[in-house]
PDB file of N, CA and C in Angstrom:
ATOM      1  N   MET A   1      49.619  82.250 142.979  1.00  0.00           N
ATOM      2  CA  MET A   1      50.227  83.090 141.981  1.00  0.00           C
ATOM      3  C   MET A   1      50.560  84.435 142.614  1.00  0.00           C
ATOM      4  N   THR A   2      51.800  84.852 142.560  1.00  0.00           N
ATOM      5  CA  THR A   2      52.210  86.144 143.087  1.00  0.00           C
ATOM      6  C   THR A   2      52.243  87.151 141.955  1.00  0.00           C
ATOM      7  N   VAL A   3      51.652  88.304 142.218  1.00  0.00           N
ATOM      8  CA  VAL A   3      51.559  89.356 141.211  1.00  0.00           C
ATOM      9  C   VAL A   3      52.401  90.529 141.681  1.00  0.00           C
ATOM     10  N   PRO A   4      53.274  91.080 140.819  1.00  0.00           N
ATOM     11  CA  PRO A   4      54.101  92.200 141.253  1.00  0.00           C
ATOM     12  C   PRO A   4      53.253  93.426 141.570  1.00  0.00           C
ATOM     13  N   SER A   5      53.657  94.135 142.589  1.00  0.00           N
ATOM     14  CA  SER A   5      52.963  95.347 143.000  1.00  0.00           C
ATOM     15  C   SER A   5      53.333  96.489 142.064  1.00  0.00           C
ATOM     16  N   PRO A   6      52.403  97.447 141.851  1.00  0.00           N
ATOM     17  CA  PRO A   6      52.741  98.591 141.015  1.00  0.00           C
ATOM     18  C   PRO A   6      53.692  99.548 141.718  1.00  0.00           C
ATOM     19  N   ILE A   7      53.890  99.377 143.023  1.00  0.00           N
ATOM     20  CA  ILE A   7      54.859 100.197 143.722  1.00  0.00           C
ATOM     21  C   ILE A   7      56.175  99.443 143.783  1.00  0.00           C
ATOM     22  N   ARG A   8      57.217 100.090 144.234  1.00  0.00           N
ATOM     23  CA  ARG A   8      58.541  99.469 144.222  1.00  0.00           C
ATOM     24  C   ARG A   8      58.589  98.156 144.999  1.00  0.00           C
ATOM     25  N   GLN A   9      59.278  97.189 144.441  1.00  0.00           N
ATOM     26  CA  GLN A   9      59.355  95.849 145.027  1.00  0.00           C
ATOM     27  C   GLN A   9      59.911  95.856 146.450  1.00  0.00           C
ATOM     28  N   PHE A  10      60.961  96.624 146.703  1.00  0.00           N
ATOM     29  CA  PHE A  10      61.598  96.560 148.007  1.00  0.00           C
ATOM     30  C   PHE A  10      60.714  97.138 149.114  1.00  0.00           C
ATOM     31  N   SER A  11      59.683  97.881 148.765  1.00  0.00           N
ATOM     32  CA  SER A  11      58.818  98.451 149.794  1.00  0.00           C
ATOM     33  C   SER A  11      57.565  97.608 150.020  1.00  0.00           C
ATOM     34  N   ASP A  12      57.495  96.444 149.388  1.00  0.00           N
ATOM     35  CA  ASP A  12      56.324  95.581 149.526  1.00  0.00           C
ATOM     36  C   ASP A  12      56.277  95.009 150.945  1.00  0.00           C
ATOM     37  N   GLN A  13      55.223  95.320 151.680  1.00  0.00           N
ATOM     38  CA  GLN A  13      55.089  94.915 153.076  1.00  0.00           C
ATOM     39  C   GLN A  13      53.979  93.879 153.255  1.00  0.00           C
ATOM     40  N   ARG A  14      53.727  93.065 152.261  1.00  0.00           N
ATOM     41  CA  ARG A  14      52.590  92.153 152.230  1.00  0.00           C
ATOM     42  C   ARG A  14      52.702  91.037 153.281  1.00  0.00           C
ATOM     43  N   TYR A  15      51.591  90.791 153.995  1.00  0.00           N
ATOM     44  CA  TYR A  15      51.508  89.715 154.980  1.00  0.00           C
ATOM     45  C   TYR A  15      50.744  88.508 154.448  1.00  0.00           C
ATOM     46  N   HIS A  16      49.896  88.718 153.442  1.00  0.00           N
ATOM     47  CA  HIS A  16      49.042  87.662 152.901  1.00  0.00           C
ATOM     48  C   HIS A  16      49.312  87.493 151.409  1.00  0.00           C
ATOM     49  N   ASN A  17      49.260  86.256 150.925  1.00  0.00           N
ATOM     50  CA  ASN A  17      49.363  86.026 149.485  1.00  0.00           C
ATOM     51  C   ASN A  17      48.126  86.573 148.811  1.00  0.00           C
ATOM     52  N   ARG A  18      48.311  87.122 147.631  1.00  0.00           N
ATOM     53  CA  ARG A  18      47.152  87.653 146.910  1.00  0.00           C
ATOM     54  C   ARG A  18      46.887  86.817 145.682  1.00  0.00           C
ATOM     55  N   ARG A  19      45.643  86.899 145.219  1.00  0.00           N
ATOM     56  CA  ARG A  19      45.278  86.179 143.999  1.00  0.00           C
ATOM     57  C   ARG A  19      44.611  87.147 143.044  1.00  0.00           C
ATOM     58  N   ARG A  20      44.922  86.966 141.788  1.00  0.00           N
ATOM     59  CA  ARG A  20      44.349  87.821 140.750  1.00  0.00           C
ATOM     60  C   ARG A  20      42.877  87.480 140.591  1.00  0.00           C
ATOM     61  N   VAL A  21      42.073  88.506 140.370  1.00  0.00           N
ATOM     62  CA  VAL A  21      40.631  88.356 140.226  1.00  0.00           C
ATOM     63  C   VAL A  21      40.218  89.041 138.933  1.00  0.00           C
ATOM     64  N   ARG A  22      39.275  88.440 138.211  1.00  0.00           N
ATOM     65  CA  ARG A  22      38.819  89.042 136.954  1.00  0.00           C
ATOM     66  C   ARG A  22      37.345  89.380 137.025  1.00  0.00           C
ATOM     67  N   LEU A  23      37.014  90.555 136.548  1.00  0.00           N
ATOM     68  CA  LEU A  23      35.624  90.983 136.385  1.00  0.00           C
ATOM     69  C   LEU A  23      34.799  90.872 137.664  1.00  0.00           C
ATOM     70  N   ARG A  24      35.351  91.342 138.756  1.00  0.00           N
ATOM     71  CA  ARG A  24      34.612  91.357 140.028  1.00  0.00           C
ATOM     72  C   ARG A  24      34.339  92.815 140.388  1.00  0.00           C
ATOM     73  N   PRO A  25      33.106  93.265 140.215  1.00  0.00           N
ATOM     74  CA  PRO A  25      32.786  94.676 140.439  1.00  0.00           C
ATOM     75  C   PRO A  25      32.671  95.024 141.922  1.00  0.00           C
ATOM     76  N   VAL A  26      33.140  96.224 142.249  1.00  0.00           N
ATOM     77  CA  VAL A  26      32.996  96.762 143.600  1.00  0.00           C
ATOM     78  C   VAL A  26      32.562  98.217 143.501  1.00  0.00           C
ATOM     79  N   LYS A  27      32.054  98.705 144.602  1.00  0.00           N
ATOM     80  CA  LYS A  27      31.746 100.120 144.722  1.00  0.00           C
ATOM     81  C   LYS A  27      32.513 100.645 145.929  1.00  0.00           C
ATOM     82  N   LEU A  28      33.124 101.801 145.760  1.00  0.00           N
ATOM     83  CA  LEU A  28      33.771 102.470 146.876  1.00  0.00           C
ATOM     84  C   LEU A  28      32.697 103.308 147.556  1.00  0.00           C
ATOM     85  N   VAL A  29      32.605 103.174 148.875  1.00  0.00           N
ATOM     86  CA  VAL A  29      31.495 103.741 149.633  1.00  0.00           C
ATOM     87  C   VAL A  29      32.052 104.494 150.839  1.00  0.00           C
ATOM     88  N   SER A  30      31.445 105.633 151.164  1.00  0.00           N
ATOM     89  CA  SER A  30      31.876 106.393 152.340  1.00  0.00           C
ATOM     90  C   SER A  30      31.483 105.645 153.612  1.00  0.00           C
ATOM     91  N   GLN A  31      32.041 106.062 154.723  1.00  0.00           N
ATOM     92  CA  GLN A  31      31.709 105.409 155.991  1.00  0.00           C
ATOM     93  C   GLN A  31      30.253 105.642 156.379  1.00  0.00           C
ATOM     94  N   SER A  32      29.619 106.644 155.774  1.00  0.00           N
ATOM     95  CA  SER A  32      28.191 106.867 156.009  1.00  0.00           C
ATOM     96  C   SER A  32      27.340 106.123 154.974  1.00  0.00           C
ATOM     97  N   LYS A  33      27.974 105.191 154.265  1.00  0.00           N
ATOM     98  CA  LYS A  33      27.322 104.306 153.283  1.00  0.00           C
ATOM     99  C   LYS A  33      26.752 105.049 152.073  1.00  0.00           C
ATOM    100  N   ARG A  34      27.492 106.051 151.626  1.00  0.00           N
ATOM    101  CA  ARG A  34      27.137 106.783 150.412  1.00  0.00           C
ATOM    102  C   ARG A  34      28.087 106.384 149.292  1.00  0.00           C
ATOM    103  N   PHE A  35      27.528 106.180 148.103  1.00  0.00           N
ATOM    104  CA  PHE A  35      28.317 105.806 146.929  1.00  0.00           C
ATOM    105  C   PHE A  35      29.359 106.877 146.629  1.00  0.00           C
ATOM    106  N   ILE A  36      30.584 106.448 146.329  1.00  0.00           N
ATOM    107  CA  ILE A  36      31.637 107.356 145.880  1.00  0.00           C
ATOM    108  C   ILE A  36      31.955 107.080 144.420  1.00  0.00           C
ATOM    109  N   GLU A  37      32.285 105.800 144.105  1.00  0.00           N
ATOM    110  CA  GLU A  37      32.784 105.501 142.764  1.00  0.00           C
ATOM    111  C   GLU A  37      32.768 103.991 142.509  1.00  0.00           C
ATOM    112  N   ASP A  38      32.637 103.615 141.239  1.00  0.00           N
ATOM    113  CA  ASP A  38      32.714 102.209 140.833  1.00  0.00           C
ATOM    114  C   ASP A  38      34.163 101.790 140.643  1.00  0.00           C
ATOM    115  N   GLY A  39      34.396 100.492 140.760  1.00  0.00           N
ATOM    116  CA  GLY A  39      35.716  99.944 140.519  1.00  0.00           C
ATOM    117  C   GLY A  39      35.629  98.464 140.210  1.00  0.00           C
ATOM    118  N   SER A  40      36.803  97.871 139.981  1.00  0.00           N
ATOM    119  CA  SER A  40      36.887  96.446 139.702  1.00  0.00           C
ATOM    120  C   SER A  40      38.097  95.889 140.444  1.00  0.00           C
ATOM    121  N   VAL A  41      37.943  94.714 141.031  1.00  0.00           N
ATOM    122  CA  VAL A  41      39.032  94.085 141.773  1.00  0.00           C
ATOM    123  C   VAL A  41      40.094  93.594 140.797  1.00  0.00           C
ATOM    124  N   VAL A  42      41.346  93.951 141.054  1.00  0.00           N
ATOM    125  CA  VAL A  42      42.479  93.455 140.269  1.00  0.00           C
ATOM    126  C   VAL A  42      43.056  92.231 140.961  1.00  0.00           C
ATOM    127  N   ASP A  43      43.340  92.363 142.257  1.00  0.00           N
ATOM    128  CA  ASP A  43      43.747  91.204 143.044  1.00  0.00           C
ATOM    129  C   ASP A  43      43.284  91.378 144.480  1.00  0.00           C
ATOM    130  N   LEU A  44      43.282  90.255 145.188  1.00  0.00           N
ATOM    131  CA  LEU A  44      42.635  90.192 146.488  1.00  0.00           C
ATOM    132  C   LEU A  44      43.424  89.264 147.402  1.00  0.00           C
ATOM    133  N   SER A  45      43.499  89.620 148.682  1.00  0.00           N
ATOM    134  CA  SER A  45      44.088  88.732 149.685  1.00  0.00           C
ATOM    135  C   SER A  45      43.233  88.817 150.943  1.00  0.00           C
ATOM    136  N   GLU A  46      43.593  88.030 151.950  1.00  0.00           N
ATOM    137  CA  GLU A  46      42.862  88.091 153.218  1.00  0.00           C
ATOM    138  C   GLU A  46      42.975  89.471 153.846  1.00  0.00           C
ATOM    139  N   GLY A  47      44.100  90.129 153.608  1.00  0.00           N
ATOM    140  CA  GLY A  47      44.360  91.404 154.274  1.00  0.00           C
ATOM    141  C   GLY A  47      44.061  92.646 153.481  1.00  0.00           C
ATOM    142  N   GLY A  48      43.824  92.518 152.169  1.00  0.00           N
ATOM    143  CA  GLY A  48      43.599  93.721 151.378  1.00  0.00           C
ATOM    144  C   GLY A  48      43.165  93.441 149.961  1.00  0.00           C
ATOM    145  N   ILE A  49      43.111  94.514 149.188  1.00  0.00           N
ATOM    146  CA  ILE A  49      42.549  94.440 147.842  1.00  0.00           C
ATOM    147  C   ILE A  49      43.177  95.532 146.972  1.00  0.00           C
ATOM    148  N   ARG A  50      43.410  95.211 145.714  1.00  0.00           N
ATOM    149  CA  ARG A  50      43.821  96.230 144.743  1.00  0.00           C
ATOM    150  C   ARG A  50      42.641  96.457 143.819  1.00  0.00           C
ATOM    151  N   ILE A  51      42.261  97.717 143.668  1.00  0.00           N
ATOM    152  CA  ILE A  51      41.079  98.082 142.891  1.00  0.00           C
ATOM    153  C   ILE A  51      41.458  99.020 141.760  1.00  0.00           C
ATOM    154  N   ARG A  52      40.928  98.744 140.584  1.00  0.00           N
ATOM    155  CA  ARG A  52      41.038  99.674 139.457  1.00  0.00           C
ATOM    156  C   ARG A  52      39.813 100.573 139.508  1.00  0.00           C
ATOM    157  N   ARG A  53      40.046 101.866 139.581  1.00  0.00           N
ATOM    158  CA  ARG A  53      38.966 102.850 139.683  1.00  0.00           C
ATOM    159  C   ARG A  53      38.406 103.185 138.315  1.00  0.00           C
ATOM    160  N   PHE A  54      37.109 103.516 138.289  1.00  0.00           N
ATOM    161  CA  PHE A  54      36.461 103.920 137.044  1.00  0.00           C
ATOM    162  C   PHE A  54      36.068 105.390 137.065  1.00  0.00           C
ATOM    163  N   GLY A  55      36.648 106.152 137.946  1.00  0.00           N
ATOM    164  CA  GLY A  55      36.337 107.575 138.041  1.00  0.00           C
ATOM    165  C   GLY A  55      37.525 108.326 138.593  1.00  0.00           C
ATOM    166  N   ASP A  56      37.296 109.583 138.915  1.00  0.00           N
ATOM    167  CA  ASP A  56      38.390 110.404 139.428  1.00  0.00           C
ATOM    168  C   ASP A  56      37.963 111.226 140.645  1.00  0.00           C
ATOM    169  N   ARG A  57      36.997 110.723 141.376  1.00  0.00           N
ATOM    170  CA  ARG A  57      36.535 111.422 142.574  1.00  0.00           C
ATOM    171  C   ARG A  57      37.574 111.353 143.689  1.00  0.00           C
ATOM    172  N   LEU A  58      37.456 112.270 144.614  1.00  0.00           N
ATOM    173  CA  LEU A  58      38.310 112.273 145.793  1.00  0.00           C
ATOM    174  C   LEU A  58      37.936 111.074 146.670  1.00  0.00           C
ATOM    175  N   ILE A  59      38.919 110.261 146.997  1.00  0.00           N
ATOM    176  CA  ILE A  59      38.692 109.053 147.791  1.00  0.00           C
ATOM    177  C   ILE A  59      39.216 109.304 149.207  1.00  0.00           C
ATOM    178  N   PRO A  60      38.368 109.130 150.227  1.00  0.00           N
ATOM    179  CA  PRO A  60      38.836 109.331 151.606  1.00  0.00           C
ATOM    180  C   PRO A  60      39.825 108.245 152.027  1.00  0.00           C
ATOM    181  N   GLN A  61      40.615 108.535 153.043  1.00  0.00           N
ATOM    182  CA  GLN A  61      41.602 107.569 153.531  1.00  0.00           C
ATOM    183  C   GLN A  61      40.932 106.310 154.088  1.00  0.00           C
ATOM    184  N   ALA A  62      39.837 106.484 154.801  1.00  0.00           N
ATOM    185  CA  ALA A  62      39.078 105.349 155.345  1.00  0.00           C
ATOM    186  C   ALA A  62      37.754 105.264 154.594  1.00  0.00           C
ATOM    187  N   LEU A  63      37.403 104.064 154.149  1.00  0.00           N
ATOM    188  CA  LEU A  63      36.188 103.886 153.365  1.00  0.00           C
ATOM    189  C   LEU A  63      35.668 102.467 153.517  1.00  0.00           C
ATOM    190  N   LEU A  64      34.588 102.174 152.804  1.00  0.00           N
ATOM    191  CA  LEU A  64      34.007 100.838 152.771  1.00  0.00           C
ATOM    192  C   LEU A  64      34.050 100.333 151.337  1.00  0.00           C
ATOM    193  N   VAL A  65      34.242  99.033 151.173  1.00  0.00           N
ATOM    194  CA  VAL A  65      34.232  98.408 149.850  1.00  0.00           C
ATOM    195  C   VAL A  65      32.994  97.520 149.775  1.00  0.00           C
ATOM    196  N   PHE A  66      32.109  97.835 148.831  1.00  0.00           N
ATOM    197  CA  PHE A  66      30.916  97.021 148.610  1.00  0.00           C
ATOM    198  C   PHE A  66      31.231  96.039 147.497  1.00  0.00           C
ATOM    199  N   ASP A  67      31.294  94.756 147.838  1.00  0.00           N
ATOM    200  CA  ASP A  67      31.554  93.696 146.865  1.00  0.00           C
ATOM    201  C   ASP A  67      30.211  93.297 146.262  1.00  0.00           C
ATOM    202  N   GLU A  68      30.021  93.610 144.991  1.00  0.00           N
ATOM    203  CA  GLU A  68      28.741  93.337 144.345  1.00  0.00           C
ATOM    204  C   GLU A  68      28.498  91.844 144.139  1.00  0.00           C
ATOM    205  N   SER A  69      29.552  91.043 144.083  1.00  0.00           N
ATOM    206  CA  SER A  69      29.392  89.603 143.867  1.00  0.00           C
ATOM    207  C   SER A  69      28.764  88.907 145.065  1.00  0.00           C
ATOM    208  N   ASP A  70      29.255  89.213 146.262  1.00  0.00           N
ATOM    209  CA  ASP A  70      28.686  88.555 147.443  1.00  0.00           C
ATOM    210  C   ASP A  70      27.860  89.501 148.317  1.00  0.00           C
ATOM    211  N   GLU A  71      27.650  90.715 147.834  1.00  0.00           N
ATOM    212  CA  GLU A  71      26.813  91.723 148.508  1.00  0.00           C
ATOM    213  C   GLU A  71      27.227  91.954 149.960  1.00  0.00           C
ATOM    214  N   THR A  72      28.538  92.166 150.156  1.00  0.00           N
ATOM    215  CA  THR A  72      29.049  92.475 151.489  1.00  0.00           C
ATOM    216  C   THR A  72      29.746  93.827 151.472  1.00  0.00           C
ATOM    217  N   LEU A  73      29.865  94.388 152.644  1.00  0.00           N
ATOM    218  CA  LEU A  73      30.529  95.666 152.845  1.00  0.00           C
ATOM    219  C   LEU A  73      31.684  95.424 153.800  1.00  0.00           C
ATOM    220  N   ARG A  74      32.870  95.953 153.446  1.00  0.00           N
ATOM    221  CA  ARG A  74      34.042  95.706 154.284  1.00  0.00           C
ATOM    222  C   ARG A  74      34.828  97.001 154.468  1.00  0.00           C
ATOM    223  N   PRO A  75      35.171  97.359 155.708  1.00  0.00           N
ATOM    224  CA  PRO A  75      35.947  98.575 155.944  1.00  0.00           C
ATOM    225  C   PRO A  75      37.397  98.402 155.499  1.00  0.00           C
ATOM    226  N   ALA A  76      37.968  99.501 154.994  1.00  0.00           N
ATOM    227  CA  ALA A  76      39.344  99.458 154.493  1.00  0.00           C
ATOM    228  C   ALA A  76      39.994 100.833 154.632  1.00  0.00           C
ATOM    229  N   THR A  77      41.319 100.826 154.536  1.00  0.00           N
ATOM    230  CA  THR A  77      42.115 102.047 154.555  1.00  0.00           C
ATOM    231  C   THR A  77      42.975 102.076 153.304  1.00  0.00           C
ATOM    232  N   VAL A  78      43.100 103.252 152.690  1.00  0.00           N
ATOM    233  CA  VAL A  78      43.948 103.402 151.504  1.00  0.00           C
ATOM    234  C   VAL A  78      45.406 103.350 151.948  1.00  0.00           C
ATOM    235  N   ILE A  79      46.181 102.442 151.339  1.00  0.00           N
ATOM    236  CA  ILE A  79      47.602 102.296 151.631  1.00  0.00           C
ATOM    237  C   ILE A  79      48.443 102.967 150.554  1.00  0.00           C
ATOM    238  N   TRP A  80      48.025 102.830 149.297  1.00  0.00           N
ATOM    239  CA  TRP A  80      48.725 103.491 148.194  1.00  0.00           C
ATOM    240  C   TRP A  80      47.752 103.832 147.082  1.00  0.00           C
ATOM    241  N   ARG A  81      48.164 104.822 146.268  1.00  0.00           N
ATOM    242  CA  ARG A  81      47.390 105.270 145.102  1.00  0.00           C
ATOM    243  C   ARG A  81      48.371 105.437 143.952  1.00  0.00           C
ATOM    244  N   VAL A  82      48.106 104.782 142.839  1.00  0.00           N
ATOM    245  CA  VAL A  82      48.930 104.923 141.635  1.00  0.00           C
ATOM    246  C   VAL A  82      47.990 105.009 140.443  1.00  0.00           C
ATOM    247  N   ARG A  83      48.008 106.151 139.777  1.00  0.00           N
ATOM    248  CA  ARG A  83      47.139 106.395 138.618  1.00  0.00           C
ATOM    249  C   ARG A  83      45.694 105.997 138.920  1.00  0.00           C
ATOM    250  N   ASP A  84      45.162 105.012 138.212  1.00  0.00           N
ATOM    251  CA  ASP A  84      43.754 104.634 138.392  1.00  0.00           C
ATOM    252  C   ASP A  84      43.581 103.419 139.309  1.00  0.00           C
ATOM    253  N   GLU A  85      44.569 103.134 140.141  1.00  0.00           N
ATOM    254  CA  GLU A  85      44.473 101.993 141.050  1.00  0.00           C
ATOM    255  C   GLU A  85      44.682 102.420 142.496  1.00  0.00           C
ATOM    256  N   LEU A  86      44.029 101.672 143.382  1.00  0.00           N
ATOM    257  CA  LEU A  86      44.167 101.873 144.824  1.00  0.00           C
ATOM    258  C   LEU A  86      44.579 100.565 145.476  1.00  0.00           C
ATOM    259  N   GLY A  87      45.461 100.640 146.443  1.00  0.00           N
ATOM    260  CA  GLY A  87      45.775  99.502 147.299  1.00  0.00           C
ATOM    261  C   GLY A  87      45.134  99.748 148.651  1.00  0.00           C
ATOM    262  N   LEU A  88      44.265  98.852 149.073  1.00  0.00           N
ATOM    263  CA  LEU A  88      43.537  99.020 150.329  1.00  0.00           C
ATOM    264  C   LEU A  88      43.869  97.896 151.300  1.00  0.00           C
ATOM    265  N   ARG A  89      43.969  98.231 152.575  1.00  0.00           N
ATOM    266  CA  ARG A  89      44.124  97.224 153.627  1.00  0.00           C
ATOM    267  C   ARG A  89      42.780  97.105 154.336  1.00  0.00           C
ATOM    268  N   PHE A  90      42.291  95.883 154.470  1.00  0.00           N
ATOM    269  CA  PHE A  90      41.043  95.677 155.187  1.00  0.00           C
ATOM    270  C   PHE A  90      41.254  95.969 156.670  1.00  0.00           C
ATOM    271  N   THR A  91      40.286  96.644 157.271  1.00  0.00           N
ATOM    272  CA  THR A  91      40.389  96.996 158.687  1.00  0.00           C
ATOM    273  C   THR A  91      39.302  96.330 159.522  1.00  0.00           C
ATOM    274  N   GLY A  92      38.533  95.458 158.910  1.00  0.00           N
ATOM    275  CA  GLY A  92      37.471  94.749 159.612  1.00  0.00           C
ATOM    276  C   GLY A  92      36.944  93.622 158.744  1.00  0.00           C
ATOM    277  N   MET A  93      35.989  92.915 159.273  1.00  0.00           N
ATOM    278  CA  MET A  93      35.399  91.779 158.570  1.00  0.00           C
ATOM    279  C   MET A  93      34.304  92.234 157.604  1.00  0.00           C
ATOM    280  N   ALA A  94      34.071  91.424 156.574  1.00  0.00           N
ATOM    281  CA  ALA A  94      32.977  91.685 155.634  1.00  0.00           C
ATOM    282  C   ALA A  94      31.657  91.409 156.340  1.00  0.00           C
ATOM    283  N   GLU A  95      30.697  92.286 156.098  1.00  0.00           N
ATOM    284  CA  GLU A  95      29.380  92.134 156.706  1.00  0.00           C
ATOM    285  C   GLU A  95      28.311  92.292 155.646  1.00  0.00           C
ATOM    286  N   GLY A  96      27.204  91.606 155.841  1.00  0.00           N
ATOM    287  CA  GLY A  96      26.060  91.779 154.958  1.00  0.00           C
ATOM    288  C   GLY A  96      25.435  93.148 155.177  1.00  0.00           C
ATOM    289  N   LEU A  97      24.647  93.576 154.220  1.00  0.00           N
ATOM    290  CA  LEU A  97      23.984  94.879 154.306  1.00  0.00           C
ATOM    291  C   LEU A  97      22.523  94.719 154.667  1.00  0.00           C
ATOM    292  N   GLU A  98      21.975  95.737 155.281  1.00  0.00           N
ATOM    293  CA  GLU A  98      20.533  95.767 155.478  1.00  0.00           C
ATOM    294  C   GLU A  98      19.889  95.943 154.112  1.00  0.00           C
ATOM    295  N   ALA A  99      18.671  95.482 153.972  1.00  0.00           N
ATOM    296  CA  ALA A  99      17.984  95.494 152.674  1.00  0.00           C
ATOM    297  C   ALA A  99      17.928  96.885 152.051  1.00  0.00           C
ATOM    298  N   THR A 100      17.693  97.916 152.851  1.00  0.00           N
ATOM    299  CA  THR A 100      17.593  99.274 152.286  1.00  0.00           C
ATOM    300  C   THR A 100      18.933  99.752 151.747  1.00  0.00           C
ATOM    301  N   ASP A 101      20.023  99.498 152.491  1.00  0.00           N
ATOM    302  CA  ASP A 101      21.352  99.895 152.013  1.00  0.00           C
ATOM    303  C   ASP A 101      21.744  99.099 150.778  1.00  0.00           C
ATOM    304  N   ARG A 102      21.449  97.804 150.782  1.00  0.00           N
ATOM    305  CA  ARG A 102      21.778  96.956 149.632  1.00  0.00           C
ATOM    306  C   ARG A 102      21.029  97.429 148.393  1.00  0.00           C
ATOM    307  N   ALA A 103      19.754  97.741 148.539  1.00  0.00           N
ATOM    308  CA  ALA A 103      18.958  98.212 147.401  1.00  0.00           C
ATOM    309  C   ALA A 103      19.497  99.541 146.879  1.00  0.00           C
ATOM    310  N   ARG A 104      19.910 100.415 147.793  1.00  0.00           N
ATOM    311  CA  ARG A 104      20.416 101.726 147.376  1.00  0.00           C
ATOM    312  C   ARG A 104      21.759 101.603 146.654  1.00  0.00           C
ATOM    313  N   LEU A 105      22.661 100.768 147.169  1.00  0.00           N
ATOM    314  CA  LEU A 105      23.989 100.639 146.566  1.00  0.00           C
ATOM    315  C   LEU A 105      24.016  99.723 145.351  1.00  0.00           C
ATOM    316  N   ALA A 106      23.220  98.672 145.366  1.00  0.00           N
ATOM    317  CA  ALA A 106      23.259  97.700 144.278  1.00  0.00           C
ATOM    318  C   ALA A 106      22.267  98.028 143.177  1.00  0.00           C
ATOM    319  N   GLY A 107      21.387  98.957 143.425  1.00  0.00           N
ATOM    320  CA  GLY A 107      20.372  99.296 142.433  1.00  0.00           C
ATOM    321  C   GLY A 107      20.959  99.924 141.189  1.00  0.00           C
ATOM    322  N   ARG A 108      20.174  99.918 140.151  1.00  0.00           N
ATOM    323  CA  ARG A 108      20.635 100.403 138.864  1.00  0.00           C
ATOM    324  C   ARG A 108      20.990 101.887 138.884  1.00  0.00           C
ATOM    325  N   TYR A 109      20.255 102.683 139.653  1.00  0.00           N
ATOM    326  CA  TYR A 109      20.483 104.127 139.667  1.00  0.00           C
ATOM    327  C   TYR A 109      20.996 104.590 141.026  1.00  0.00           C
ATOM    328  N   TYR A 110      21.910 103.824 141.611  1.00  0.00           N
ATOM    329  CA  TYR A 110      22.440 104.107 142.937  1.00  0.00           C
ATOM    330  C   TYR A 110      23.016 105.502 143.056  1.00  0.00           C
ATOM    331  N   ALA A 111      23.601 106.026 142.004  1.00  0.00           N
ATOM    332  CA  ALA A 111      24.312 107.298 142.090  1.00  0.00           C
ATOM    333  C   ALA A 111      23.382 108.500 142.130  1.00  0.00           C
ATOM    334  N   VAL A 112      22.120 108.349 141.789  1.00  0.00           N
ATOM    335  CA  VAL A 112      21.223 109.501 141.744  1.00  0.00           C
ATOM    336  C   VAL A 112      20.243 109.536 142.903  1.00  0.00           C
ATOM    337  N   ARG A 113      20.328 108.617 143.820  1.00  0.00           N
ATOM    338  CA  ARG A 113      19.407 108.614 144.966  1.00  0.00           C
ATOM    339  C   ARG A 113      19.899 109.508 146.058  1.00  0.00           C
TER     340      ARG A 113
END
């Protein structure tokens, strides 16, 4: 299933087919593994991800995406920003987290630690 991009069609530079995803929570994380903001996956491909943001914090150009469903962390770069959505290109492979980082990011009160 191909989903239209929120940016102009003629500028779409996609290399991978994307698939729509429902109710898949993610956390945007700094490269030093600090929580930035919650989000939800809108669509996903091998090469990137579109995320709906749940906040309005400043998002760095390079960051990590913590997928709460499979408990992995994946490096990414912001390609576009439109209102409450981000388009990210993955810049590395998904990796598991060490127990301490996983507990800090996945825990109920991750934002206050």
